[in-house]
Amino acid sequence: MLFKKEHVEENYHSHLSTGLSIGIVTGLIVGVAATHWYKKNRVLSADDILEQVKSEFLEDGTIEGSWIHFKKEPFQKFAVKTHVYTGGISRIEHNELAQYEFIADAHTGSIIDIYRID
C-alpha cells in the first residue's frame, strides 16, 4: 500500500501541531503549580526579616540593639497556622530605653505582632 507524499506530510504536520500544543499546555500547568508550591513553601531567612524590621524602626529614629531567634517556631492564631521567627528591637525613646518584641511570618516576612516590653 502506497501513501501519497502530500497525505503523509499533512498527517505529520497535524500530529506535530497536536504534540506541540499538548506540550505547551502541560508546561504551563506544571509551571503554575511549581510557582504556587514554591511561594507557599519558601522560607525567608531570619537575617532578612530582622533587617526588614530594623529598616522600619529606623524611619522613626536610631536603634540601640536588635536580635532574632534563628529557629522557626510553629504558630497558630485561630485557624491560621504558619511558622514564625521571634525577635526584638531596643531604642531610646524620651531619654529611656524602650524594648519591643515582634513575631514575623517566616514565609512572607509580615509582622504578625509587635509589642513594647515594660
PDB file of N, CA and C in Angstrom:
ATOM      1  N   MET A   1       0.846  -1.165   0.000  1.00  0.00           N
ATOM      2  CA  MET A   1       0.000   0.000   0.000  1.00  0.00           C
ATOM      3  C   MET A   1       0.897   1.235   0.000  1.00  0.00           C
ATOM      4  N   LEU A   2       0.670   2.100  -0.922  1.00  0.00           N
ATOM      5  CA  LEU A   2       1.479   3.297  -1.057  1.00  0.00           C
ATOM      6  C   LEU A   2       0.695   4.504  -0.560  1.00  0.00           C
ATOM      7  N   PHE A   3       1.402   5.392   0.129  1.00  0.00           N
ATOM      8  CA  PHE A   3       0.791   6.628   0.606  1.00  0.00           C
ATOM      9  C   PHE A   3       1.276   7.762  -0.263  1.00  0.00           C
ATOM     10  N   LYS A   4       0.410   8.685  -0.523  1.00  0.00           N
ATOM     11  CA  LYS A   4       0.805   9.861  -1.274  1.00  0.00           C
ATOM     12  C   LYS A   4       1.634  10.751  -0.367  1.00  0.00           C
ATOM     13  N   LYS A   5       2.639  11.359  -0.928  1.00  0.00           N
ATOM     14  CA  LYS A   5       3.552  12.214  -0.186  1.00  0.00           C
ATOM     15  C   LYS A   5       2.789  13.349   0.513  1.00  0.00           C
ATOM     16  N   GLU A   6       1.822  13.935  -0.158  1.00  0.00           N
ATOM     17  CA  GLU A   6       1.061  15.039   0.417  1.00  0.00           C
ATOM     18  C   GLU A   6       0.283  14.576   1.659  1.00  0.00           C
ATOM     19  N   HIS A   7      -0.276  13.387   1.597  1.00  0.00           N
ATOM     20  CA  HIS A   7      -1.057  12.845   2.706  1.00  0.00           C
ATOM     21  C   HIS A   7      -0.162  12.605   3.929  1.00  0.00           C
ATOM     22  N   VAL A   8       1.025  12.058   3.709  1.00  0.00           N
ATOM     23  CA  VAL A   8       1.970  11.791   4.799  1.00  0.00           C
ATOM     24  C   VAL A   8       2.417  13.101   5.437  1.00  0.00           C
ATOM     25  N   GLU A   9       2.736  14.104   4.628  1.00  0.00           N
ATOM     26  CA  GLU A   9       3.179  15.395   5.170  1.00  0.00           C
ATOM     27  C   GLU A   9       2.060  16.075   5.946  1.00  0.00           C
ATOM     28  N   GLU A  10       0.834  15.966   5.453  1.00  0.00           N
ATOM     29  CA  GLU A  10      -0.305  16.561   6.122  1.00  0.00           C
ATOM     30  C   GLU A  10      -0.520  15.931   7.502  1.00  0.00           C
ATOM     31  N   ASN A  11      -0.435  14.603   7.588  1.00  0.00           N
ATOM     32  CA  ASN A  11      -0.571  13.907   8.876  1.00  0.00           C
ATOM     33  C   ASN A  11       0.566  14.273   9.816  1.00  0.00           C
ATOM     34  N   TYR A  12       1.777  14.388   9.284  1.00  0.00           N
ATOM     35  CA  TYR A  12       2.948  14.732  10.097  1.00  0.00           C
ATOM     36  C   TYR A  12       2.748  16.107  10.737  1.00  0.00           C
ATOM     37  N   HIS A  13       2.352  17.092   9.955  1.00  0.00           N
ATOM     38  CA  HIS A  13       2.166  18.445  10.472  1.00  0.00           C
ATOM     39  C   HIS A  13       0.998  18.503  11.462  1.00  0.00           C
ATOM     40  N   SER A  14      -0.038  17.749  11.207  1.00  0.00           N
ATOM     41  CA  SER A  14      -1.184  17.710  12.111  1.00  0.00           C
ATOM     42  C   SER A  14      -0.775  17.129  13.462  1.00  0.00           C
ATOM     43  N   HIS A  15      -0.043  16.023  13.446  1.00  0.00           N
ATOM     44  CA  HIS A  15       0.409  15.395  14.694  1.00  0.00           C
ATOM     45  C   HIS A  15       1.442  16.262  15.406  1.00  0.00           C
ATOM     46  N   LEU A  16       2.290  16.939  14.646  1.00  0.00           N
ATOM     47  CA  LEU A  16       3.296  17.822  15.234  1.00  0.00           C
ATOM     48  C   LEU A  16       2.610  18.977  15.964  1.00  0.00           C
ATOM     49  N   SER A  17       1.610  19.571  15.335  1.00  0.00           N
ATOM     50  CA  SER A  17       0.873  20.673  15.965  1.00  0.00           C
ATOM     51  C   SER A  17       0.172  20.206  17.235  1.00  0.00           C
ATOM     52  N   THR A  18      -0.448  19.045  17.186  1.00  0.00           N
ATOM     53  CA  THR A  18      -1.132  18.497  18.361  1.00  0.00           C
ATOM     54  C   THR A  18      -0.135  18.230  19.478  1.00  0.00           C
ATOM     55  N   GLY A  19       0.991  17.640  19.152  1.00  0.00           N
ATOM     56  CA  GLY A  19       2.021  17.342  20.157  1.00  0.00           C
ATOM     57  C   GLY A  19       2.582  18.603  20.790  1.00  0.00           C
ATOM     58  N   LEU A  20       2.849  19.607  19.963  1.00  0.00           N
ATOM     59  CA  LEU A  20       3.356  20.871  20.496  1.00  0.00           C
ATOM     60  C   LEU A  20       2.323  21.542  21.399  1.00  0.00           C
ATOM     61  N   SER A  21       1.070  21.509  21.007  1.00  0.00           N
ATOM     62  CA  SER A  21       0.008  22.114  21.821  1.00  0.00           C
ATOM     63  C   SER A  21      -0.094  21.428  23.174  1.00  0.00           C
ATOM     64  N   ILE A  22      -0.074  20.117  23.165  1.00  0.00           N
ATOM     65  CA  ILE A  22      -0.135  19.364  24.428  1.00  0.00           C
ATOM     66  C   ILE A  22       1.076  19.675  25.288  1.00  0.00           C
ATOM     67  N   GLY A  23       2.245  19.743  24.695  1.00  0.00           N
ATOM     68  CA  GLY A  23       3.474  20.045  25.430  1.00  0.00           C
ATOM     69  C   GLY A  23       3.443  21.433  26.046  1.00  0.00           C
ATOM     70  N   ILE A  24       2.968  22.417  25.312  1.00  0.00           N
ATOM     71  CA  ILE A  24       2.911  23.782  25.819  1.00  0.00           C
ATOM     72  C   ILE A  24       1.913  23.889  26.964  1.00  0.00           C
ATOM     73  N   VAL A  25       0.741  23.309  26.809  1.00  0.00           N
ATOM     74  CA  VAL A  25      -0.278  23.358  27.869  1.00  0.00           C
ATOM     75  C   VAL A  25       0.217  22.641  29.121  1.00  0.00           C
ATOM     76  N   THR A  26       0.823  21.477  28.938  1.00  0.00           N
ATOM     77  CA  THR A  26       1.370  20.737  30.080  1.00  0.00           C
ATOM     78  C   THR A  26       2.457  21.549  30.781  1.00  0.00           C
ATOM     79  N   GLY A  27       3.337  22.172  30.013  1.00  0.00           N
ATOM     80  CA  GLY A  27       4.392  23.009  30.586  1.00  0.00           C
ATOM     81  C   GLY A  27       3.840  24.174  31.386  1.00  0.00           C
ATOM     82  N   LEU A  28       2.800  24.815  30.870  1.00  0.00           N
ATOM     83  CA  LEU A  28       2.180  25.927  31.587  1.00  0.00           C
ATOM     84  C   LEU A  28       1.554  25.462  32.901  1.00  0.00           C
ATOM     85  N   ILE A  29       0.858  24.344  32.870  1.00  0.00           N
ATOM     86  CA  ILE A  29       0.229  23.827  34.090  1.00  0.00           C
ATOM     87  C   ILE A  29       1.280  23.471  35.133  1.00  0.00           C
ATOM     88  N   VAL A  30       2.326  22.793  34.718  1.00  0.00           N
ATOM     89  CA  VAL A  30       3.404  22.418  35.651  1.00  0.00           C
ATOM     90  C   VAL A  30       4.097  23.671  36.184  1.00  0.00           C
ATOM     91  N   GLY A  31       4.323  24.653  35.335  1.00  0.00           N
ATOM     92  CA  GLY A  31       4.963  25.897  35.767  1.00  0.00           C
ATOM     93  C   GLY A  31       4.150  26.647  36.799  1.00  0.00           C
ATOM     94  N   VAL A  32       2.852  26.750  36.580  1.00  0.00           N
ATOM     95  CA  VAL A  32       1.976  27.434  37.537  1.00  0.00           C
ATOM     96  C   VAL A  32       1.938  26.679  38.865  1.00  0.00           C
ATOM     97  N   ALA A  33       1.838  25.353  38.794  1.00  0.00           N
ATOM     98  CA  ALA A  33       1.805  24.547  40.022  1.00  0.00           C
ATOM     99  C   ALA A  33       3.123  24.668  40.790  1.00  0.00           C
ATOM    100  N   ALA A  34       4.239  24.640  40.089  1.00  0.00           N
ATOM    101  CA  ALA A  34       5.548  24.749  40.749  1.00  0.00           C
ATOM    102  C   ALA A  34       5.722  26.117  41.392  1.00  0.00           C
ATOM    103  N   THR A  35       5.288  27.170  40.722  1.00  0.00           N
ATOM    104  CA  THR A  35       5.387  28.516  41.282  1.00  0.00           C
ATOM    105  C   THR A  35       4.539  28.640  42.543  1.00  0.00           C
ATOM    106  N   HIS A  36       3.329  28.115  42.495  1.00  0.00           N
ATOM    107  CA  HIS A  36       2.446  28.154  43.667  1.00  0.00           C
ATOM    108  C   HIS A  36       3.076  27.390  44.835  1.00  0.00           C
ATOM    109  N   TRP A  37       3.606  26.212  44.568  1.00  0.00           N
ATOM    110  CA  TRP A  37       4.228  25.406  45.629  1.00  0.00           C
ATOM    111  C   TRP A  37       5.424  26.138  46.223  1.00  0.00           C
ATOM    112  N   TYR A  38       6.258  26.736  45.359  1.00  0.00           N
ATOM    113  CA  TYR A  38       7.453  27.432  45.844  1.00  0.00           C
ATOM    114  C   TYR A  38       7.073  28.609  46.738  1.00  0.00           C
ATOM    115  N   LYS A  39       6.118  29.415  46.297  1.00  0.00           N
ATOM    116  CA  LYS A  39       5.716  30.573  47.096  1.00  0.00           C
ATOM    117  C   LYS A  39       5.121  30.157  48.433  1.00  0.00           C
ATOM    118  N   LYS A  40       4.398  29.044  48.441  1.00  0.00           N
ATOM    119  CA  LYS A  40       3.775  28.571  49.675  1.00  0.00           C
ATOM    120  C   LYS A  40       4.808  27.998  50.645  1.00  0.00           C
ATOM    121  N   ASN A  41       5.850  27.370  50.125  1.00  0.00           N
ATOM    122  CA  ASN A  41       6.790  26.649  50.987  1.00  0.00           C
ATOM    123  C   ASN A  41       8.137  27.332  51.198  1.00  0.00           C
ATOM    124  N   ARG A  42       8.385  28.447  50.537  1.00  0.00           N
ATOM    125  CA  ARG A  42       9.678  29.104  50.734  1.00  0.00           C
ATOM    126  C   ARG A  42       9.731  29.703  52.131  1.00  0.00           C
ATOM    127  N   VAL A  43      10.919  29.817  52.651  1.00  0.00           N
ATOM    128  CA  VAL A  43      11.113  30.386  53.975  1.00  0.00           C
ATOM    129  C   VAL A  43      12.170  31.475  53.859  1.00  0.00           C
ATOM    130  N   LEU A  44      11.848  32.647  54.353  1.00  0.00           N
ATOM    131  CA  LEU A  44      12.804  33.743  54.369  1.00  0.00           C
ATOM    132  C   LEU A  44      13.810  33.513  55.485  1.00  0.00           C
ATOM    133  N   SER A  45      14.985  34.078  55.340  1.00  0.00           N
ATOM    134  CA  SER A  45      15.994  33.917  56.386  1.00  0.00           C
ATOM    135  C   SER A  45      15.679  34.853  57.554  1.00  0.00           C
ATOM    136  N   ALA A  46      16.102  34.450  58.721  1.00  0.00           N
ATOM    137  CA  ALA A  46      15.899  35.267  59.916  1.00  0.00           C
ATOM    138  C   ALA A  46      16.605  36.609  59.754  1.00  0.00           C
ATOM    139  N   ASP A  47      17.787  36.601  59.151  1.00  0.00           N
ATOM    140  CA  ASP A  47      18.525  37.853  58.929  1.00  0.00           C
ATOM    141  C   ASP A  47      17.740  38.827  58.062  1.00  0.00           C
ATOM    142  N   ASP A  48      17.128  38.316  56.996  1.00  0.00           N
ATOM    143  CA  ASP A  48      16.345  39.185  56.109  1.00  0.00           C
ATOM    144  C   ASP A  48      15.168  39.817  56.844  1.00  0.00           C
ATOM    145  N   ILE A  49      14.502  39.022  57.662  1.00  0.00           N
ATOM    146  CA  ILE A  49      13.354  39.541  58.411  1.00  0.00           C
ATOM    147  C   ILE A  49      13.804  40.577  59.434  1.00  0.00           C
ATOM    148  N   LEU A  50      14.913  40.309  60.124  1.00  0.00           N
ATOM    149  CA  LEU A  50      15.418  41.285  61.098  1.00  0.00           C
ATOM    150  C   LEU A  50      15.789  42.593  60.403  1.00  0.00           C
ATOM    151  N   GLU A  51      16.427  42.515  59.247  1.00  0.00           N
ATOM    152  CA  GLU A  51      16.789  43.732  58.506  1.00  0.00           C
ATOM    153  C   GLU A  51      15.533  44.515  58.103  1.00  0.00           C
ATOM    154  N   GLN A  52      14.491  43.818  57.733  1.00  0.00           N
ATOM    155  CA  GLN A  52      13.232  44.464  57.355  1.00  0.00           C
ATOM    156  C   GLN A  52      12.629  45.204  58.545  1.00  0.00           C
ATOM    157  N   VAL A  53      12.592  44.546  59.691  1.00  0.00           N
ATOM    158  CA  VAL A  53      12.030  45.174  60.895  1.00  0.00           C
ATOM    159  C   VAL A  53      12.886  46.367  61.307  1.00  0.00           C
ATOM    160  N   LYS A  54      14.194  46.195  61.269  1.00  0.00           N
ATOM    161  CA  LYS A  54      15.088  47.299  61.635  1.00  0.00           C
ATOM    162  C   LYS A  54      14.900  48.498  60.711  1.00  0.00           C
ATOM    163  N   SER A  55      14.750  48.246  59.422  1.00  0.00           N
ATOM    164  CA  SER A  55      14.589  49.373  58.496  1.00  0.00           C
ATOM    165  C   SER A  55      13.294  50.139  58.786  1.00  0.00           C
ATOM    166  N   GLU A  56      12.261  49.437  59.203  1.00  0.00           N
ATOM    167  CA  GLU A  56      11.017  50.124  59.556  1.00  0.00           C
ATOM    168  C   GLU A  56      11.193  50.948  60.835  1.00  0.00           C
ATOM    169  N   PHE A  57      11.912  50.415  61.813  1.00  0.00           N
ATOM    170  CA  PHE A  57      12.157  51.159  63.051  1.00  0.00           C
ATOM    171  C   PHE A  57      13.078  52.346  62.810  1.00  0.00           C
ATOM    172  N   LEU A  58      14.019  52.215  61.884  1.00  0.00           N
ATOM    173  CA  LEU A  58      14.958  53.305  61.604  1.00  0.00           C
ATOM    174  C   LEU A  58      14.262  54.535  61.033  1.00  0.00           C
ATOM    175  N   GLU A  59      13.077  54.358  60.470  1.00  0.00           N
ATOM    176  CA  GLU A  59      12.329  55.505  59.958  1.00  0.00           C
ATOM    177  C   GLU A  59      11.942  56.467  61.077  1.00  0.00           C
ATOM    178  N   ASP A  60      11.859  55.962  62.312  1.00  0.00           N
ATOM    179  CA  ASP A  60      11.470  56.796  63.457  1.00  0.00           C
ATOM    180  C   ASP A  60      12.648  57.173  64.347  1.00  0.00           C
ATOM    181  N   GLY A  61      13.845  56.715  64.055  1.00  0.00           N
ATOM    182  CA  GLY A  61      15.000  57.055  64.879  1.00  0.00           C
ATOM    183  C   GLY A  61      16.003  55.920  64.924  1.00  0.00           C
ATOM    184  N   THR A  62      17.042  56.114  65.726  1.00  0.00           N
ATOM    185  CA  THR A  62      18.127  55.136  65.791  1.00  0.00           C
ATOM    186  C   THR A  62      17.739  53.928  66.639  1.00  0.00           C
ATOM    187  N   ILE A  63      18.466  52.846  66.408  1.00  0.00           N
ATOM    188  CA  ILE A  63      18.247  51.593  67.127  1.00  0.00           C
ATOM    189  C   ILE A  63      19.469  51.343  68.007  1.00  0.00           C
ATOM    190  N   GLU A  64      19.227  50.960  69.250  1.00  0.00           N
ATOM    191  CA  GLU A  64      20.311  50.642  70.176  1.00  0.00           C
ATOM    192  C   GLU A  64      20.770  49.190  70.033  1.00  0.00           C
ATOM    193  N   GLY A  65      19.829  48.297  69.751  1.00  0.00           N
ATOM    194  CA  GLY A  65      20.171  46.886  69.620  1.00  0.00           C
ATOM    195  C   GLY A  65      19.027  46.106  68.985  1.00  0.00           C
ATOM    196  N   SER A  66      19.353  44.901  68.519  1.00  0.00           N
ATOM    197  CA  SER A  66      18.323  44.053  67.917  1.00  0.00           C
ATOM    198  C   SER A  66      18.761  42.602  68.013  1.00  0.00           C
ATOM    199  N   TRP A  67      17.797  41.709  67.948  1.00  0.00           N
ATOM    200  CA  TRP A  67      18.079  40.277  67.994  1.00  0.00           C
ATOM    201  C   TRP A  67      16.944  39.517  67.321  1.00  0.00           C
ATOM    202  N   ILE A  68      17.225  38.280  66.959  1.00  0.00           N
ATOM    203  CA  ILE A  68      16.201  37.413  66.391  1.00  0.00           C
ATOM    204  C   ILE A  68      16.584  35.962  66.665  1.00  0.00           C
ATOM    205  N   HIS A  69      15.597  35.125  66.931  1.00  0.00           N
ATOM    206  CA  HIS A  69      15.851  33.683  67.041  1.00  0.00           C
ATOM    207  C   HIS A  69      15.957  33.116  65.630  1.00  0.00           C
ATOM    208  N   PHE A  70      16.976  32.339  65.379  1.00  0.00           N
ATOM    209  CA  PHE A  70      17.186  31.780  64.044  1.00  0.00           C
ATOM    210  C   PHE A  70      16.378  30.511  63.806  1.00  0.00           C
ATOM    211  N   LYS A  71      15.758  29.992  64.844  1.00  0.00           N
ATOM    212  CA  LYS A  71      14.954  28.778  64.701  1.00  0.00           C
ATOM    213  C   LYS A  71      13.489  29.163  64.509  1.00  0.00           C
ATOM    214  N   LYS A  72      12.904  28.654  63.445  1.00  0.00           N
ATOM    215  CA  LYS A  72      11.477  28.900  63.207  1.00  0.00           C
ATOM    216  C   LYS A  72      10.663  28.136  64.245  1.00  0.00           C
ATOM    217  N   GLU A  73       9.516  28.718  64.596  1.00  0.00           N
ATOM    218  CA  GLU A  73       8.613  28.072  65.545  1.00  0.00           C
ATOM    219  C   GLU A  73       7.231  27.971  64.914  1.00  0.00           C
ATOM    220  N   PRO A  74       6.504  26.881  65.176  1.00  0.00           N
ATOM    221  CA  PRO A  74       5.125  26.819  64.689  1.00  0.00           C
ATOM    222  C   PRO A  74       4.277  27.849  65.429  1.00  0.00           C
ATOM    223  N   PHE A  75       3.307  28.409  64.731  1.00  0.00           N
ATOM    224  CA  PHE A  75       2.468  29.444  65.305  1.00  0.00           C
ATOM    225  C   PHE A  75       1.049  29.257  64.787  1.00  0.00           C
ATOM    226  N   GLN A  76       0.074  29.409  65.677  1.00  0.00           N
ATOM    227  CA  GLN A  76      -1.326  29.328  65.272  1.00  0.00           C
ATOM    228  C   GLN A  76      -2.108  30.417  65.976  1.00  0.00           C
ATOM    229  N   LYS A  77      -2.871  31.145  65.196  1.00  0.00           N
ATOM    230  CA  LYS A  77      -3.782  32.141  65.749  1.00  0.00           C
ATOM    231  C   LYS A  77      -5.128  31.878  65.102  1.00  0.00           C
ATOM    232  N   PHE A  78      -6.037  31.406  65.913  1.00  0.00           N
ATOM    233  CA  PHE A  78      -7.341  30.954  65.447  1.00  0.00           C
ATOM    234  C   PHE A  78      -7.122  29.826  64.437  1.00  0.00           C
ATOM    235  N   ALA A  79      -7.617  29.952  63.221  1.00  0.00           N
ATOM    236  CA  ALA A  79      -7.485  28.867  62.244  1.00  0.00           C
ATOM    237  C   ALA A  79      -6.222  28.994  61.389  1.00  0.00           C
ATOM    238  N   VAL A  80      -5.468  30.076  61.552  1.00  0.00           N
ATOM    239  CA  VAL A  80      -4.283  30.319  60.722  1.00  0.00           C
ATOM    240  C   VAL A  80      -3.072  29.656  61.355  1.00  0.00           C
ATOM    241  N   LYS A  81      -2.404  28.803  60.574  1.00  0.00           N
ATOM    242  CA  LYS A  81      -1.186  28.121  61.029  1.00  0.00           C
ATOM    243  C   LYS A  81      -0.032  28.521  60.117  1.00  0.00           C
ATOM    244  N   THR A  82       1.107  28.799  60.715  1.00  0.00           N
ATOM    245  CA  THR A  82       2.296  29.150  59.945  1.00  0.00           C
ATOM    246  C   THR A  82       3.526  28.894  60.806  1.00  0.00           C
ATOM    247  N   HIS A  83       4.684  29.306  60.326  1.00  0.00           N
ATOM    248  CA  HIS A  83       5.920  29.272  61.100  1.00  0.00           C
ATOM    249  C   HIS A  83       6.399  30.706  61.257  1.00  0.00           C
ATOM    250  N   VAL A  84       6.985  31.001  62.412  1.00  0.00           N
ATOM    251  CA  VAL A  84       7.387  32.376  62.697  1.00  0.00           C
ATOM    252  C   VAL A  84       8.806  32.425  63.256  1.00  0.00           C
ATOM    253  N   TYR A  85       9.374  33.616  63.148  1.00  0.00           N
ATOM    254  CA  TYR A  85      10.595  33.971  63.856  1.00  0.00           C
ATOM    255  C   TYR A  85      10.190  34.990  64.921  1.00  0.00           C
ATOM    256  N   THR A  86      10.858  34.959  66.059  1.00  0.00           N
ATOM    257  CA  THR A  86      10.637  35.970  67.082  1.00  0.00           C
ATOM    258  C   THR A  86      11.923  36.758  67.260  1.00  0.00           C
ATOM    259  N   GLY A  87      11.767  38.016  67.603  1.00  0.00           N
ATOM    260  CA  GLY A  87      12.940  38.862  67.765  1.00  0.00           C
ATOM    261  C   GLY A  87      12.607  40.095  68.566  1.00  0.00           C
ATOM    262  N   GLY A  88      13.580  41.002  68.627  1.00  0.00           N
ATOM    263  CA  GLY A  88      13.378  42.214  69.408  1.00  0.00           C
ATOM    264  C   GLY A  88      14.228  43.370  68.921  1.00  0.00           C
ATOM    265  N   ILE A  89      13.796  44.552  69.296  1.00  0.00           N
ATOM    266  CA  ILE A  89      14.466  45.808  68.957  1.00  0.00           C
ATOM    267  C   ILE A  89      14.493  46.655  70.220  1.00  0.00           C
ATOM    268  N   SER A  90      15.613  47.346  70.456  1.00  0.00           N
ATOM    269  CA  SER A  90      15.655  48.310  71.557  1.00  0.00           C
ATOM    270  C   SER A  90      16.114  49.657  71.003  1.00  0.00           C
ATOM    271  N   ARG A  91      15.551  50.701  71.578  1.00  0.00           N
ATOM    272  CA  ARG A  91      15.862  52.057  71.132  1.00  0.00           C
ATOM    273  C   ARG A  91      15.623  53.031  72.273  1.00  0.00           C
ATOM    274  N   ILE A  92      16.123  54.229  72.150  1.00  0.00           N
ATOM    275  CA  ILE A  92      15.912  55.276  73.146  1.00  0.00           C
ATOM    276  C   ILE A  92      14.680  56.088  72.741  1.00  0.00           C
ATOM    277  N   GLU A  93      13.713  56.152  73.656  1.00  0.00           N
ATOM    278  CA  GLU A  93      12.521  56.972  73.455  1.00  0.00           C
ATOM    279  C   GLU A  93      12.309  57.804  74.703  1.00  0.00           C
ATOM    280  N   HIS A  94      12.225  59.125  74.565  1.00  0.00           N
ATOM    281  CA  HIS A  94      12.009  60.045  75.680  1.00  0.00           C
ATOM    282  C   HIS A  94      13.083  59.842  76.754  1.00  0.00           C
ATOM    283  N   ASN A  95      14.333  59.702  76.303  1.00  0.00           N
ATOM    284  CA  ASN A  95      15.503  59.539  77.168  1.00  0.00           C
ATOM    285  C   ASN A  95      15.483  58.254  77.984  1.00  0.00           C
ATOM    286  N   GLU A  96      14.693  57.270  77.583  1.00  0.00           N
ATOM    287  CA  GLU A  96      14.656  55.973  78.260  1.00  0.00           C
ATOM    288  C   GLU A  96      14.772  54.866  77.225  1.00  0.00           C
ATOM    289  N   LEU A  97      15.326  53.726  77.656  1.00  0.00           N
ATOM    290  CA  LEU A  97      15.436  52.569  76.770  1.00  0.00           C
ATOM    291  C   LEU A  97      14.070  51.911  76.615  1.00  0.00           C
ATOM    292  N   ALA A  98      13.618  51.790  75.385  1.00  0.00           N
ATOM    293  CA  ALA A  98      12.351  51.114  75.084  1.00  0.00           C
ATOM    294  C   ALA A  98      12.679  49.834  74.335  1.00  0.00           C
ATOM    295  N   GLN A  99      12.046  48.741  74.753  1.00  0.00           N
ATOM    296  CA  GLN A  99      12.292  47.453  74.116  1.00  0.00           C
ATOM    297  C   GLN A  99      10.994  46.914  73.524  1.00  0.00           C
ATOM    298  N   TYR A 100      11.132  46.366  72.318  1.00  0.00           N
ATOM    299  CA  TYR A 100       9.993  45.793  71.605  1.00  0.00           C
ATOM    300  C   TYR A 100      10.319  44.359  71.214  1.00  0.00           C
ATOM    301  N   GLU A 101       9.321  43.523  71.235  1.00  0.00           N
ATOM    302  CA  GLU A 101       9.450  42.172  70.694  1.00  0.00           C
ATOM    303  C   GLU A 101       8.480  42.049  69.533  1.00  0.00           C
ATOM    304  N   PHE A 102       8.853  41.215  68.555  1.00  0.00           N
ATOM    305  CA  PHE A 102       7.986  41.033  67.399  1.00  0.00           C
ATOM    306  C   PHE A 102       7.900  39.559  67.023  1.00  0.00           C
ATOM    307  N   ILE A 103       6.849  39.237  66.312  1.00  0.00           N
ATOM    308  CA  ILE A 103       6.640  37.911  65.740  1.00  0.00           C
ATOM    309  C   ILE A 103       6.440  38.132  64.245  1.00  0.00           C
ATOM    310  N   ALA A 104       7.245  37.465  63.410  1.00  0.00           N
ATOM    311  CA  ALA A 104       7.170  37.656  61.966  1.00  0.00           C
ATOM    312  C   ALA A 104       6.957  36.321  61.261  1.00  0.00           C
ATOM    313  N   ASP A 105       6.092  36.323  60.271  1.00  0.00           N
ATOM    314  CA  ASP A 105       5.823  35.132  59.470  1.00  0.00           C
ATOM    315  C   ASP A 105       7.084  34.750  58.694  1.00  0.00           C
ATOM    316  N   ALA A 106       7.531  33.502  58.832  1.00  0.00           N
ATOM    317  CA  ALA A 106       8.766  33.041  58.195  1.00  0.00           C
ATOM    318  C   ALA A 106       8.624  32.901  56.682  1.00  0.00           C
ATOM    319  N   HIS A 107       7.404  32.786  56.176  1.00  0.00           N
ATOM    320  CA  HIS A 107       7.187  32.604  54.741  1.00  0.00           C
ATOM    321  C   HIS A 107       7.040  33.925  53.998  1.00  0.00           C
ATOM    322  N   THR A 108       6.418  34.913  54.627  1.00  0.00           N
ATOM    323  CA  THR A 108       6.150  36.183  53.950  1.00  0.00           C
ATOM    324  C   THR A 108       6.956  37.349  54.500  1.00  0.00           C
ATOM    325  N   GLY A 109       7.431  37.221  55.735  1.00  0.00           N
ATOM    326  CA  GLY A 109       8.129  38.326  56.383  1.00  0.00           C
ATOM    327  C   GLY A 109       7.185  39.317  57.045  1.00  0.00           C
ATOM    328  N   SER A 110       5.895  39.104  56.928  1.00  0.00           N
ATOM    329  CA  SER A 110       4.911  40.016  57.526  1.00  0.00           C
ATOM    330  C   SER A 110       4.988  39.961  59.046  1.00  0.00           C
ATOM    331  N   ILE A 111       4.870  41.127  59.653  1.00  0.00           N
ATOM    332  CA  ILE A 111       4.855  41.197  61.107  1.00  0.00           C
ATOM    333  C   ILE A 111       3.465  40.781  61.587  1.00  0.00           C
ATOM    334  N   ILE A 112       3.414  39.730  62.381  1.00  0.00           N
ATOM    335  CA  ILE A 112       2.147  39.242  62.919  1.00  0.00           C
ATOM    336  C   ILE A 112       1.784  40.011  64.177  1.00  0.00           C
ATOM    337  N   ASP A 113       2.794  40.298  64.998  1.00  0.00           N
ATOM    338  CA  ASP A 113       2.547  41.039  66.226  1.00  0.00           C
ATOM    339  C   ASP A 113       3.823  41.765  66.621  1.00  0.00           C
ATOM    340  N   ILE A 114       3.664  42.921  67.229  1.00  0.00           N
ATOM    341  CA  ILE A 114       4.792  43.662  67.787  1.00  0.00           C
ATOM    342  C   ILE A 114       4.274  44.365  69.040  1.00  0.00           C
ATOM    343  N   TYR A 115       5.054  44.304  70.105  1.00  0.00           N
ATOM    344  CA  TYR A 115       4.582  44.888  71.355  1.00  0.00           C
ATOM    345  C   TYR A 115       5.777  45.391  72.152  1.00  0.00           C
ATOM    346  N   ARG A 116       5.501  46.409  72.934  1.00  0.00           N
ATOM    347  CA  ARG A 116       6.528  47.011  73.791  1.00  0.00           C
ATOM    348  C   ARG A 116       6.594  46.260  75.107  1.00  0.00           C
ATOM    349  N   ILE A 117       7.808  46.005  75.550  1.00  0.00           N
ATOM    350  CA  ILE A 117       8.023  45.339  76.843  1.00  0.00           C
ATOM    351  C   ILE A 117       8.242  46.417  77.882  1.00  0.00           C
ATOM    352  N   ASP A 118       7.470  46.395  78.951  1.00  0.00           N
ATOM    353  CA  ASP A 118       7.601  47.406  80.009  1.00  0.00           C
ATOM    354  C   ASP A 118       8.415  46.903  81.159  1.00  0.00           C
TER     355      ASP A 118
END
